[in-house]
All heavy atoms as atom14 arrays in JSON, in Angstrom:
{
  "sequence": "VFFIAPNDPRFIKTVERILLSPDKGGLTSAGLVYRYDTSVSDDGVG",
  "atom14_mask": [
    [1, 1, 1, 1, 1, 1, 1, 0, 0, 0, 0, 0, 0, 0],
    [1, 1, 1, 1, 1, 1, 1, 1, 1, 1, 1, 0, 0, 0],
    [1, 1, 1, 1, 1, 1, 1, 1, 1, 1, 1, 0, 0, 0],
    [1, 1, 1, 1, 1, 1, 1, 1, 0, 0, 0, 0, 0, 0],
    [1, 1, 1, 1, 1, 0, 0, 0, 0, 0, 0, 0, 0, 0],
    [1, 1, 1, 1, 1, 1, 1, 0, 0, 0, 0, 0, 0, 0],
    [1, 1, 1, 1, 1, 1, 1, 1, 0, 0, 0, 0, 0, 0],
    [1, 1, 1, 1, 1, 1, 1, 1, 0, 0, 0, 0, 0, 0],
    [1, 1, 1, 1, 1, 1, 1, 0, 0, 0, 0, 0, 0, 0],
    [1, 1, 1, 1, 1, 1, 1, 1, 1, 1, 1, 0, 0, 0],
    [1, 1, 1, 1, 1, 1, 1, 1, 1, 1, 1, 0, 0, 0],
    [1, 1, 1, 1, 1, 1, 1, 1, 0, 0, 0, 0, 0, 0],
    [1, 1, 1, 1, 1, 1, 1, 1, 1, 0, 0, 0, 0, 0],
    [1, 1, 1, 1, 1, 1, 1, 0, 0, 0, 0, 0, 0, 0],
    [1, 1, 1, 1, 1, 1, 1, 0, 0, 0, 0, 0, 0, 0],
    [1, 1, 1, 1, 1, 1, 1, 1, 1, 0, 0, 0, 0, 0],
    [1, 1, 1, 1, 1, 1, 1, 1, 1, 1, 1, 0, 0, 0],
    [1, 1, 1, 1, 1, 1, 1, 1, 0, 0, 0, 0, 0, 0],
    [1, 1, 1, 1, 1, 1, 1, 1, 0, 0, 0, 0, 0, 0],
    [1, 1, 1, 1, 1, 1, 1, 1, 0, 0, 0, 0, 0, 0],
    [1, 1, 1, 1, 1, 1, 0, 0, 0, 0, 0, 0, 0, 0],
    [1, 1, 1, 1, 1, 1, 1, 0, 0, 0, 0, 0, 0, 0],
    [1, 1, 1, 1, 1, 1, 1, 1, 0, 0, 0, 0, 0, 0],
    [1, 1, 1, 1, 1, 1, 1, 1, 1, 0, 0, 0, 0, 0],
    [1, 1, 1, 1, 0, 0, 0, 0, 0, 0, 0, 0, 0, 0],
    [1, 1, 1, 1, 0, 0, 0, 0, 0, 0, 0, 0, 0, 0],
    [1, 1, 1, 1, 1, 1, 1, 1, 0, 0, 0, 0, 0, 0],
    [1, 1, 1, 1, 1, 1, 1, 0, 0, 0, 0, 0, 0, 0],
    [1, 1, 1, 1, 1, 1, 0, 0, 0, 0, 0, 0, 0, 0],
    [1, 1, 1, 1, 1, 0, 0, 0, 0, 0, 0, 0, 0, 0],
    [1, 1, 1, 1, 0, 0, 0, 0, 0, 0, 0, 0, 0, 0],
    [1, 1, 1, 1, 1, 1, 1, 1, 0, 0, 0, 0, 0, 0],
    [1, 1, 1, 1, 1, 1, 1, 0, 0, 0, 0, 0, 0, 0],
    [1, 1, 1, 1, 1, 1, 1, 1, 1, 1, 1, 1, 0, 0],
    [1, 1, 1, 1, 1, 1, 1, 1, 1, 1, 1, 0, 0, 0],
    [1, 1, 1, 1, 1, 1, 1, 1, 1, 1, 1, 1, 0, 0],
    [1, 1, 1, 1, 1, 1, 1, 1, 0, 0, 0, 0, 0, 0],
    [1, 1, 1, 1, 1, 1, 1, 0, 0, 0, 0, 0, 0, 0],
    [1, 1, 1, 1, 1, 1, 0, 0, 0, 0, 0, 0, 0, 0],
    [1, 1, 1, 1, 1, 1, 1, 0, 0, 0, 0, 0, 0, 0],
    [1, 1, 1, 1, 1, 1, 0, 0, 0, 0, 0, 0, 0, 0],
    [1, 1, 1, 1, 1, 1, 1, 1, 0, 0, 0, 0, 0, 0],
    [1, 1, 1, 1, 1, 1, 1, 1, 0, 0, 0, 0, 0, 0],
    [1, 1, 1, 1, 0, 0, 0, 0, 0, 0, 0, 0, 0, 0],
    [1, 1, 1, 1, 1, 1, 1, 0, 0, 0, 0, 0, 0, 0],
    [1, 1, 1, 1, 0, 0, 0, 0, 0, 0, 0, 0, 0, 0]
  ],
  "atom14_positions": [
    [[-5.72, 15.15, -33.14], [-6.79, 14.4, -32.47], [-7.75, 13.83, -33.51], [-8.88, 13.3, -33.12], [-7.63, 15.31, -31.56], [-6.73, 15.87, -30.39], [-8.29, 16.55, -32.25], [0.0, 0.0, 0.0], [0.0, 0.0, 0.0], [0.0, 0.0, 0.0], [0.0, 0.0, 0.0], [0.0, 0.0, 0.0], [0.0, 0.0, 0.0], [0.0, 0.0, 0.0]],
    [[-7.39, 13.78, -34.75], [-8.13, 13.06, -35.84], [-9.54, 13.73, -36.12], [-10.47, 12.98, -36.57], [-8.18, 11.59, -35.55], [-6.86, 10.91, -35.48], [-6.29, 10.78, -34.23], [-6.14, 10.62, -36.57], [-4.97, 10.18, -34.16], [-4.88, 10.07, -36.48], [-4.29, 9.91, -35.22], [0.0, 0.0, 0.0], [0.0, 0.0, 0.0], [0.0, 0.0, 0.0]],
    [[-9.62, 14.98, -35.87], [-10.85, 15.68, -36.21], [-10.96, 15.96, -37.7], [-12.0, 15.85, -38.31], [-10.91, 17.04, -35.49], [-12.14, 17.87, -35.88], [-13.34, 17.72, -35.28], [-12.01, 18.9, -36.86], [-14.48, 18.43, -35.66], [-13.09, 19.71, -37.22], [-14.31, 19.44, -36.67], [0.0, 0.0, 0.0], [0.0, 0.0, 0.0], [0.0, 0.0, 0.0]],
    [[-9.76, 16.18, -38.33], [-9.68, 16.44, -39.73], [-8.47, 15.84, -40.33], [-7.48, 15.65, -39.64], [-9.73, 18.03, -40.01], [-9.99, 18.32, -41.47], [-8.32, 18.61, -39.53], [-10.24, 19.78, -41.72], [0.0, 0.0, 0.0], [0.0, 0.0, 0.0], [0.0, 0.0, 0.0], [0.0, 0.0, 0.0], [0.0, 0.0, 0.0], [0.0, 0.0, 0.0]],
    [[-8.47, 15.4, -41.55], [-7.32, 14.84, -42.2], [-6.26, 15.95, -42.29], [-6.52, 17.07, -42.69], [-7.66, 14.33, -43.59], [0.0, 0.0, 0.0], [0.0, 0.0, 0.0], [0.0, 0.0, 0.0], [0.0, 0.0, 0.0], [0.0, 0.0, 0.0], [0.0, 0.0, 0.0], [0.0, 0.0, 0.0], [0.0, 0.0, 0.0], [0.0, 0.0, 0.0]],
    [[-4.94, 15.6, -42.13], [-3.89, 16.6, -42.16], [-3.73, 17.2, -43.53], [-3.08, 18.22, -43.73], [-2.67, 15.83, -41.66], [-2.97, 14.37, -41.97], [-4.47, 14.27, -41.73], [0.0, 0.0, 0.0], [0.0, 0.0, 0.0], [0.0, 0.0, 0.0], [0.0, 0.0, 0.0], [0.0, 0.0, 0.0], [0.0, 0.0, 0.0], [0.0, 0.0, 0.0]],
    [[-4.25, 16.46, -44.55], [-4.06, 17.03, -45.9], [-5.4, 17.67, -46.45], [-5.49, 18.0, -47.64], [-3.62, 15.93, -46.84], [-4.72, 14.84, -47.08], [-5.44, 14.53, -46.04], [-4.77, 14.25, -48.24], [0.0, 0.0, 0.0], [0.0, 0.0, 0.0], [0.0, 0.0, 0.0], [0.0, 0.0, 0.0], [0.0, 0.0, 0.0], [0.0, 0.0, 0.0]],
    [[-6.35, 17.82, -45.63], [-7.64, 18.39, -46.02], [-7.35, 19.83, -46.47], [-6.69, 20.56, -45.78], [-8.62, 18.38, -44.84], [-9.99, 18.84, -45.27], [-10.21, 20.08, -45.54], [-10.95, 18.01, -45.32], [0.0, 0.0, 0.0], [0.0, 0.0, 0.0], [0.0, 0.0, 0.0], [0.0, 0.0, 0.0], [0.0, 0.0, 0.0], [0.0, 0.0, 0.0]],
    [[-7.91, 20.16, -47.66], [-7.62, 21.51, -48.19], [-7.93, 22.63, -47.15], [-7.15, 23.67, -47.06], [-8.48, 21.67, -49.42], [-8.55, 20.24, -49.89], [-8.74, 19.45, -48.61], [0.0, 0.0, 0.0], [0.0, 0.0, 0.0], [0.0, 0.0, 0.0], [0.0, 0.0, 0.0], [0.0, 0.0, 0.0], [0.0, 0.0, 0.0], [0.0, 0.0, 0.0]],
    [[-8.98, 22.57, -46.44], [-9.37, 23.57, -45.4], [-8.23, 23.69, -44.38], [-7.92, 24.8, -43.97], [-10.71, 23.21, -44.75], [-11.87, 23.43, -45.6], [-13.13, 23.37, -44.85], [-14.3, 23.81, -45.7], [-15.45, 24.3, -45.15], [-15.61, 24.34, -43.89], [-16.41, 24.58, -45.98], [0.0, 0.0, 0.0], [0.0, 0.0, 0.0], [0.0, 0.0, 0.0]],
    [[-7.7, 22.54, -43.92], [-6.63, 22.66, -42.92], [-5.37, 23.09, -43.51], [-4.67, 23.86, -42.88], [-6.52, 21.22, -42.22], [-5.46, 21.3, -41.12], [-5.77, 21.83, -39.93], [-4.17, 20.76, -41.33], [-4.84, 21.88, -38.88], [-3.23, 20.76, -40.28], [-3.55, 21.41, -39.04], [0.0, 0.0, 0.0], [0.0, 0.0, 0.0], [0.0, 0.0, 0.0]],
    [[-5.04, 22.61, -44.68], [-3.72, 23.03, -45.29], [-3.72, 24.59, -45.54], [-2.76, 25.25, -45.29], [-3.55, 22.26, -46.6], [-3.26, 20.82, -46.34], [-2.41, 22.94, -47.51], [-1.91, 20.55, -45.57], [0.0, 0.0, 0.0], [0.0, 0.0, 0.0], [0.0, 0.0, 0.0], [0.0, 0.0, 0.0], [0.0, 0.0, 0.0], [0.0, 0.0, 0.0]],
    [[-4.81, 25.11, -45.98], [-4.94, 26.49, -46.25], [-4.79, 27.34, -44.87], [-4.17, 28.35, -44.84], [-6.22, 26.9, -46.89], [-6.33, 26.46, -48.4], [-7.68, 26.78, -48.96], [-7.76, 26.27, -50.44], [-9.05, 26.51, -51.0], [0.0, 0.0, 0.0], [0.0, 0.0, 0.0], [0.0, 0.0, 0.0], [0.0, 0.0, 0.0], [0.0, 0.0, 0.0]],
    [[-5.33, 26.69, -43.83], [-5.16, 27.4, -42.49], [-3.73, 27.34, -42.05], [-3.25, 28.38, -41.62], [-6.08, 26.66, -41.5], [-7.38, 26.66, -41.93], [-6.0, 27.36, -40.11], [0.0, 0.0, 0.0], [0.0, 0.0, 0.0], [0.0, 0.0, 0.0], [0.0, 0.0, 0.0], [0.0, 0.0, 0.0], [0.0, 0.0, 0.0], [0.0, 0.0, 0.0]],
    [[-3.11, 26.17, -42.3], [-1.71, 26.11, -41.88], [-0.83, 27.09, -42.69], [0.06, 27.76, -42.21], [-1.16, 24.71, -42.17], [0.35, 24.57, -42.0], [-1.81, 23.71, -41.15], [0.0, 0.0, 0.0], [0.0, 0.0, 0.0], [0.0, 0.0, 0.0], [0.0, 0.0, 0.0], [0.0, 0.0, 0.0], [0.0, 0.0, 0.0], [0.0, 0.0, 0.0]],
    [[-1.1, 27.23, -43.95], [-0.33, 28.1, -44.81], [-0.56, 29.6, -44.39], [0.4, 30.38, -44.39], [-0.79, 27.98, -46.26], [-0.31, 26.61, -46.84], [-0.84, 26.33, -48.32], [-1.72, 27.09, -48.73], [-0.34, 25.37, -48.9], [0.0, 0.0, 0.0], [0.0, 0.0, 0.0], [0.0, 0.0, 0.0], [0.0, 0.0, 0.0], [0.0, 0.0, 0.0]],
    [[-1.74, 29.91, -43.89], [-1.94, 31.3, -43.35], [-1.22, 31.44, -42.01], [-0.6, 32.46, -41.81], [-3.49, 31.5, -43.19], [-3.73, 32.9, -42.58], [-5.22, 33.21, -42.61], [-5.75, 33.63, -43.91], [-5.7, 34.8, -44.41], [-5.26, 35.78, -43.62], [-6.19, 35.11, -45.56], [0.0, 0.0, 0.0], [0.0, 0.0, 0.0], [0.0, 0.0, 0.0]],
    [[-1.23, 30.4, -41.16], [-0.51, 30.5, -39.89], [0.99, 30.68, -40.13], [1.61, 31.44, -39.4], [-0.8, 29.19, -39.05], [-2.21, 29.26, -38.51], [0.2, 29.1, -37.84], [-2.64, 27.97, -37.82], [0.0, 0.0, 0.0], [0.0, 0.0, 0.0], [0.0, 0.0, 0.0], [0.0, 0.0, 0.0], [0.0, 0.0, 0.0], [0.0, 0.0, 0.0]],
    [[1.48, 30.08, -41.21], [2.93, 30.21, -41.5], [3.31, 31.6, -41.94], [4.53, 31.9, -41.95], [3.27, 29.14, -42.59], [3.43, 27.71, -42.02], [3.47, 26.71, -43.21], [4.79, 27.57, -41.21], [0.0, 0.0, 0.0], [0.0, 0.0, 0.0], [0.0, 0.0, 0.0], [0.0, 0.0, 0.0], [0.0, 0.0, 0.0], [0.0, 0.0, 0.0]],
    [[2.4, 32.41, -42.35], [2.72, 33.8, -42.65], [3.15, 34.54, -41.5], [2.81, 34.23, -40.34], [1.49, 34.49, -43.37], [1.05, 33.86, -44.7], [-0.23, 34.6, -45.15], [2.04, 34.01, -45.78], [0.0, 0.0, 0.0], [0.0, 0.0, 0.0], [0.0, 0.0, 0.0], [0.0, 0.0, 0.0], [0.0, 0.0, 0.0], [0.0, 0.0, 0.0]],
    [[3.91, 35.62, -41.69], [4.32, 36.52, -40.63], [3.06, 37.3, -40.11], [2.13, 37.5, -40.84], [5.43, 37.44, -41.07], [4.96, 38.32, -42.09], [0.0, 0.0, 0.0], [0.0, 0.0, 0.0], [0.0, 0.0, 0.0], [0.0, 0.0, 0.0], [0.0, 0.0, 0.0], [0.0, 0.0, 0.0], [0.0, 0.0, 0.0], [0.0, 0.0, 0.0]],
    [[3.18, 37.77, -38.86], [2.03, 38.56, -38.34], [1.63, 39.78, -39.14], [0.49, 40.04, -39.31], [2.55, 38.98, -36.91], [3.48, 37.86, -36.54], [4.17, 37.47, -37.82], [0.0, 0.0, 0.0], [0.0, 0.0, 0.0], [0.0, 0.0, 0.0], [0.0, 0.0, 0.0], [0.0, 0.0, 0.0], [0.0, 0.0, 0.0], [0.0, 0.0, 0.0]],
    [[2.64, 40.42, -39.72], [2.32, 41.65, -40.52], [1.64, 41.3, -41.8], [1.06, 42.15, -42.55], [3.56, 42.45, -40.81], [4.59, 41.66, -41.5], [4.66, 40.49, -41.54], [5.48, 42.35, -42.24], [0.0, 0.0, 0.0], [0.0, 0.0, 0.0], [0.0, 0.0, 0.0], [0.0, 0.0, 0.0], [0.0, 0.0, 0.0], [0.0, 0.0, 0.0]],
    [[1.62, 40.0, -42.15], [0.91, 39.56, -43.38], [-0.37, 38.74, -43.07], [-0.91, 38.05, -43.91], [1.86, 38.72, -44.27], [3.03, 39.47, -44.85], [3.93, 38.61, -45.68], [5.15, 39.41, -46.22], [6.02, 38.58, -47.03], [0.0, 0.0, 0.0], [0.0, 0.0, 0.0], [0.0, 0.0, 0.0], [0.0, 0.0, 0.0], [0.0, 0.0, 0.0]],
    [[-0.77, 38.83, -41.86], [-1.96, 38.14, -41.4], [-1.78, 36.81, -40.8], [-2.79, 36.09, -40.58], [0.0, 0.0, 0.0], [0.0, 0.0, 0.0], [0.0, 0.0, 0.0], [0.0, 0.0, 0.0], [0.0, 0.0, 0.0], [0.0, 0.0, 0.0], [0.0, 0.0, 0.0], [0.0, 0.0, 0.0], [0.0, 0.0, 0.0], [0.0, 0.0, 0.0]],
    [[-0.52, 36.37, -40.66], [-0.23, 35.05, -40.07], [0.16, 35.1, -38.61], [-0.07, 36.06, -37.94], [0.0, 0.0, 0.0], [0.0, 0.0, 0.0], [0.0, 0.0, 0.0], [0.0, 0.0, 0.0], [0.0, 0.0, 0.0], [0.0, 0.0, 0.0], [0.0, 0.0, 0.0], [0.0, 0.0, 0.0], [0.0, 0.0, 0.0], [0.0, 0.0, 0.0]],
    [[0.78, 34.07, -38.13], [1.06, 33.89, -36.7], [2.45, 33.42, -36.47], [2.87, 33.11, -35.37], [0.08, 32.91, -36.02], [-1.38, 33.38, -35.91], [-2.26, 32.29, -35.35], [-1.47, 34.66, -35.07], [0.0, 0.0, 0.0], [0.0, 0.0, 0.0], [0.0, 0.0, 0.0], [0.0, 0.0, 0.0], [0.0, 0.0, 0.0], [0.0, 0.0, 0.0]],
    [[3.27, 33.37, -37.53], [4.69, 32.8, -37.42], [5.7, 33.84, -37.66], [5.7, 34.5, -38.62], [4.83, 31.64, -38.37], [3.83, 30.69, -38.11], [6.19, 30.97, -38.19], [0.0, 0.0, 0.0], [0.0, 0.0, 0.0], [0.0, 0.0, 0.0], [0.0, 0.0, 0.0], [0.0, 0.0, 0.0], [0.0, 0.0, 0.0], [0.0, 0.0, 0.0]],
    [[6.63, 33.98, -36.73], [7.79, 34.86, -36.86], [9.01, 34.18, -36.45], [9.09, 33.66, -35.34], [7.5, 36.17, -36.0], [8.59, 36.98, -36.01], [0.0, 0.0, 0.0], [0.0, 0.0, 0.0], [0.0, 0.0, 0.0], [0.0, 0.0, 0.0], [0.0, 0.0, 0.0], [0.0, 0.0, 0.0], [0.0, 0.0, 0.0], [0.0, 0.0, 0.0]],
    [[10.0, 34.21, -37.34], [11.31, 33.5, -37.05], [11.07, 32.02, -36.74], [11.83, 31.5, -35.95], [12.06, 34.25, -35.96], [0.0, 0.0, 0.0], [0.0, 0.0, 0.0], [0.0, 0.0, 0.0], [0.0, 0.0, 0.0], [0.0, 0.0, 0.0], [0.0, 0.0, 0.0], [0.0, 0.0, 0.0], [0.0, 0.0, 0.0], [0.0, 0.0, 0.0]],
    [[10.13, 31.49, -37.33], [9.81, 30.05, -37.14], [9.1, 29.73, -35.82], [9.0, 28.62, -35.44], [0.0, 0.0, 0.0], [0.0, 0.0, 0.0], [0.0, 0.0, 0.0], [0.0, 0.0, 0.0], [0.0, 0.0, 0.0], [0.0, 0.0, 0.0], [0.0, 0.0, 0.0], [0.0, 0.0, 0.0], [0.0, 0.0, 0.0], [0.0, 0.0, 0.0]],
    [[8.66, 30.76, -35.16], [7.92, 30.56, -33.9], [6.45, 31.01, -34.01], [6.18, 32.04, -34.75], [8.55, 31.44, -32.77], [10.12, 31.19, -32.56], [10.66, 32.21, -31.54], [10.35, 29.78, -32.09], [0.0, 0.0, 0.0], [0.0, 0.0, 0.0], [0.0, 0.0, 0.0], [0.0, 0.0, 0.0], [0.0, 0.0, 0.0], [0.0, 0.0, 0.0]],
    [[5.59, 30.27, -33.36], [4.16, 30.42, -33.63], [3.48, 31.11, -32.37], [3.69, 30.68, -31.31], [3.41, 29.11, -33.82], [1.94, 29.29, -34.11], [4.1, 28.41, -34.99], [0.0, 0.0, 0.0], [0.0, 0.0, 0.0], [0.0, 0.0, 0.0], [0.0, 0.0, 0.0], [0.0, 0.0, 0.0], [0.0, 0.0, 0.0], [0.0, 0.0, 0.0]],
    [[2.7, 32.2, -32.67], [1.96, 32.86, -31.67], [0.51, 32.26, -31.5], [0.06, 31.65, -32.47], [1.78, 34.35, -31.97], [3.1, 35.09, -31.9], [4.09, 35.09, -32.9], [3.46, 35.81, -30.77], [5.32, 35.74, -32.77], [4.68, 36.45, -30.64], [5.6, 36.43, -31.64], [6.82, 37.03, -31.5], [0.0, 0.0, 0.0], [0.0, 0.0, 0.0]],
    [[-0.07, 32.46, -30.36], [-1.43, 31.94, -30.19], [-2.41, 32.56, -31.1], [-3.15, 31.93, -31.83], [-1.87, 32.1, -28.68], [-1.06, 31.44, -27.69], [-1.7, 31.53, -26.28], [-1.9, 32.95, -25.95], [-2.62, 33.28, -24.82], [-3.18, 32.41, -24.05], [-2.74, 34.6, -24.53], [0.0, 0.0, 0.0], [0.0, 0.0, 0.0], [0.0, 0.0, 0.0]],
    [[-2.44, 33.89, -31.01], [-3.32, 34.79, -31.76], [-2.8, 36.25, -31.7], [-1.8, 36.46, -30.96], [-4.8, 34.67, -31.35], [-4.98, 34.89, -29.85], [-5.15, 36.23, -29.3], [-5.03, 33.85, -29.0], [-5.31, 36.42, -27.97], [-5.23, 33.98, -27.65], [-5.32, 35.32, -27.15], [-5.54, 35.5, -25.76], [0.0, 0.0, 0.0], [0.0, 0.0, 0.0]],
    [[-3.31, 37.09, -32.45], [-2.81, 38.46, -32.43], [-3.41, 39.24, -31.23], [-4.58, 39.65, -31.3], [-3.16, 39.16, -33.75], [-2.54, 40.53, -33.91], [-2.04, 41.05, -32.93], [-2.49, 41.09, -35.02], [0.0, 0.0, 0.0], [0.0, 0.0, 0.0], [0.0, 0.0, 0.0], [0.0, 0.0, 0.0], [0.0, 0.0, 0.0], [0.0, 0.0, 0.0]],
    [[-2.55, 39.37, -30.13], [-3.15, 40.03, -28.88], [-3.32, 41.53, -29.12], [-4.05, 42.12, -28.37], [-2.14, 39.7, -27.76], [-0.85, 40.26, -28.11], [-2.04, 38.32, -27.42], [0.0, 0.0, 0.0], [0.0, 0.0, 0.0], [0.0, 0.0, 0.0], [0.0, 0.0, 0.0], [0.0, 0.0, 0.0], [0.0, 0.0, 0.0], [0.0, 0.0, 0.0]],
    [[-2.68, 42.03, -30.17], [-2.85, 43.48, -30.37], [-4.24, 43.85, -30.86], [-4.61, 45.04, -30.75], [-1.79, 44.0, -31.36], [-1.97, 43.42, -32.63], [0.0, 0.0, 0.0], [0.0, 0.0, 0.0], [0.0, 0.0, 0.0], [0.0, 0.0, 0.0], [0.0, 0.0, 0.0], [0.0, 0.0, 0.0], [0.0, 0.0, 0.0], [0.0, 0.0, 0.0]],
    [[-4.96, 42.91, -31.45], [-6.32, 43.22, -31.98], [-7.3, 42.37, -31.26], [-8.49, 42.4, -31.65], [-6.43, 43.03, -33.45], [-5.44, 43.94, -34.23], [-6.03, 41.54, -33.91], [0.0, 0.0, 0.0], [0.0, 0.0, 0.0], [0.0, 0.0, 0.0], [0.0, 0.0, 0.0], [0.0, 0.0, 0.0], [0.0, 0.0, 0.0], [0.0, 0.0, 0.0]],
    [[-6.93, 41.47, -30.31], [-7.94, 40.67, -29.61], [-8.13, 41.16, -28.26], [-7.12, 41.39, -27.46], [-7.36, 39.23, -29.56], [-8.24, 38.37, -28.82], [0.0, 0.0, 0.0], [0.0, 0.0, 0.0], [0.0, 0.0, 0.0], [0.0, 0.0, 0.0], [0.0, 0.0, 0.0], [0.0, 0.0, 0.0], [0.0, 0.0, 0.0], [0.0, 0.0, 0.0]],
    [[-9.33, 41.29, -27.88], [-9.67, 41.73, -26.48], [-9.95, 40.45, -25.67], [-11.07, 39.91, -25.75], [-10.82, 42.64, -26.48], [-11.23, 43.1, -25.0], [-10.44, 42.87, -24.13], [-12.33, 43.65, -24.87], [0.0, 0.0, 0.0], [0.0, 0.0, 0.0], [0.0, 0.0, 0.0], [0.0, 0.0, 0.0], [0.0, 0.0, 0.0], [0.0, 0.0, 0.0]],
    [[-8.99, 39.9, -24.92], [-9.14, 38.76, -24.16], [-9.3, 38.91, -22.75], [-9.31, 38.06, -21.92], [-7.95, 37.8, -24.44], [-6.6, 38.37, -24.08], [-6.55, 39.43, -23.46], [-5.57, 37.8, -24.39], [0.0, 0.0, 0.0], [0.0, 0.0, 0.0], [0.0, 0.0, 0.0], [0.0, 0.0, 0.0], [0.0, 0.0, 0.0], [0.0, 0.0, 0.0]],
    [[-9.5, 40.19, -22.31], [-9.72, 40.5, -20.9], [-8.45, 40.6, -20.05], [-8.52, 40.81, -18.86], [0.0, 0.0, 0.0], [0.0, 0.0, 0.0], [0.0, 0.0, 0.0], [0.0, 0.0, 0.0], [0.0, 0.0, 0.0], [0.0, 0.0, 0.0], [0.0, 0.0, 0.0], [0.0, 0.0, 0.0], [0.0, 0.0, 0.0], [0.0, 0.0, 0.0]],
    [[-7.34, 40.45, -20.68], [-6.05, 40.49, -19.94], [-5.25, 41.68, -20.37], [-4.77, 42.46, -19.54], [-5.19, 39.16, -20.14], [-3.95, 39.28, -19.29], [-6.06, 37.97, -19.69], [0.0, 0.0, 0.0], [0.0, 0.0, 0.0], [0.0, 0.0, 0.0], [0.0, 0.0, 0.0], [0.0, 0.0, 0.0], [0.0, 0.0, 0.0], [0.0, 0.0, 0.0]],
    [[-5.06, 41.81, -21.71], [-4.3, 42.95, -22.26], [-2.81, 42.66, -22.2], [-2.3, 41.79, -21.48], [0.0, 0.0, 0.0], [0.0, 0.0, 0.0], [0.0, 0.0, 0.0], [0.0, 0.0, 0.0], [0.0, 0.0, 0.0], [0.0, 0.0, 0.0], [0.0, 0.0, 0.0], [0.0, 0.0, 0.0], [0.0, 0.0, 0.0], [0.0, 0.0, 0.0]]
  ]
}
C-alpha cells in the first residue's frame, strides 16, 4: 500500500525475521506464513 519502501532496512529486517521458523522467533514454516504466534498471544479466542 506504499506505506514504506520495499527495500527500507526496517522492512527488510522485519521480512527476514518473518522468514525464520516459529521456533527461532519467526512465522514461516515449510514456506508457509502464520499470522502470529497464537501459543503466546491472548486474542480472546484460544
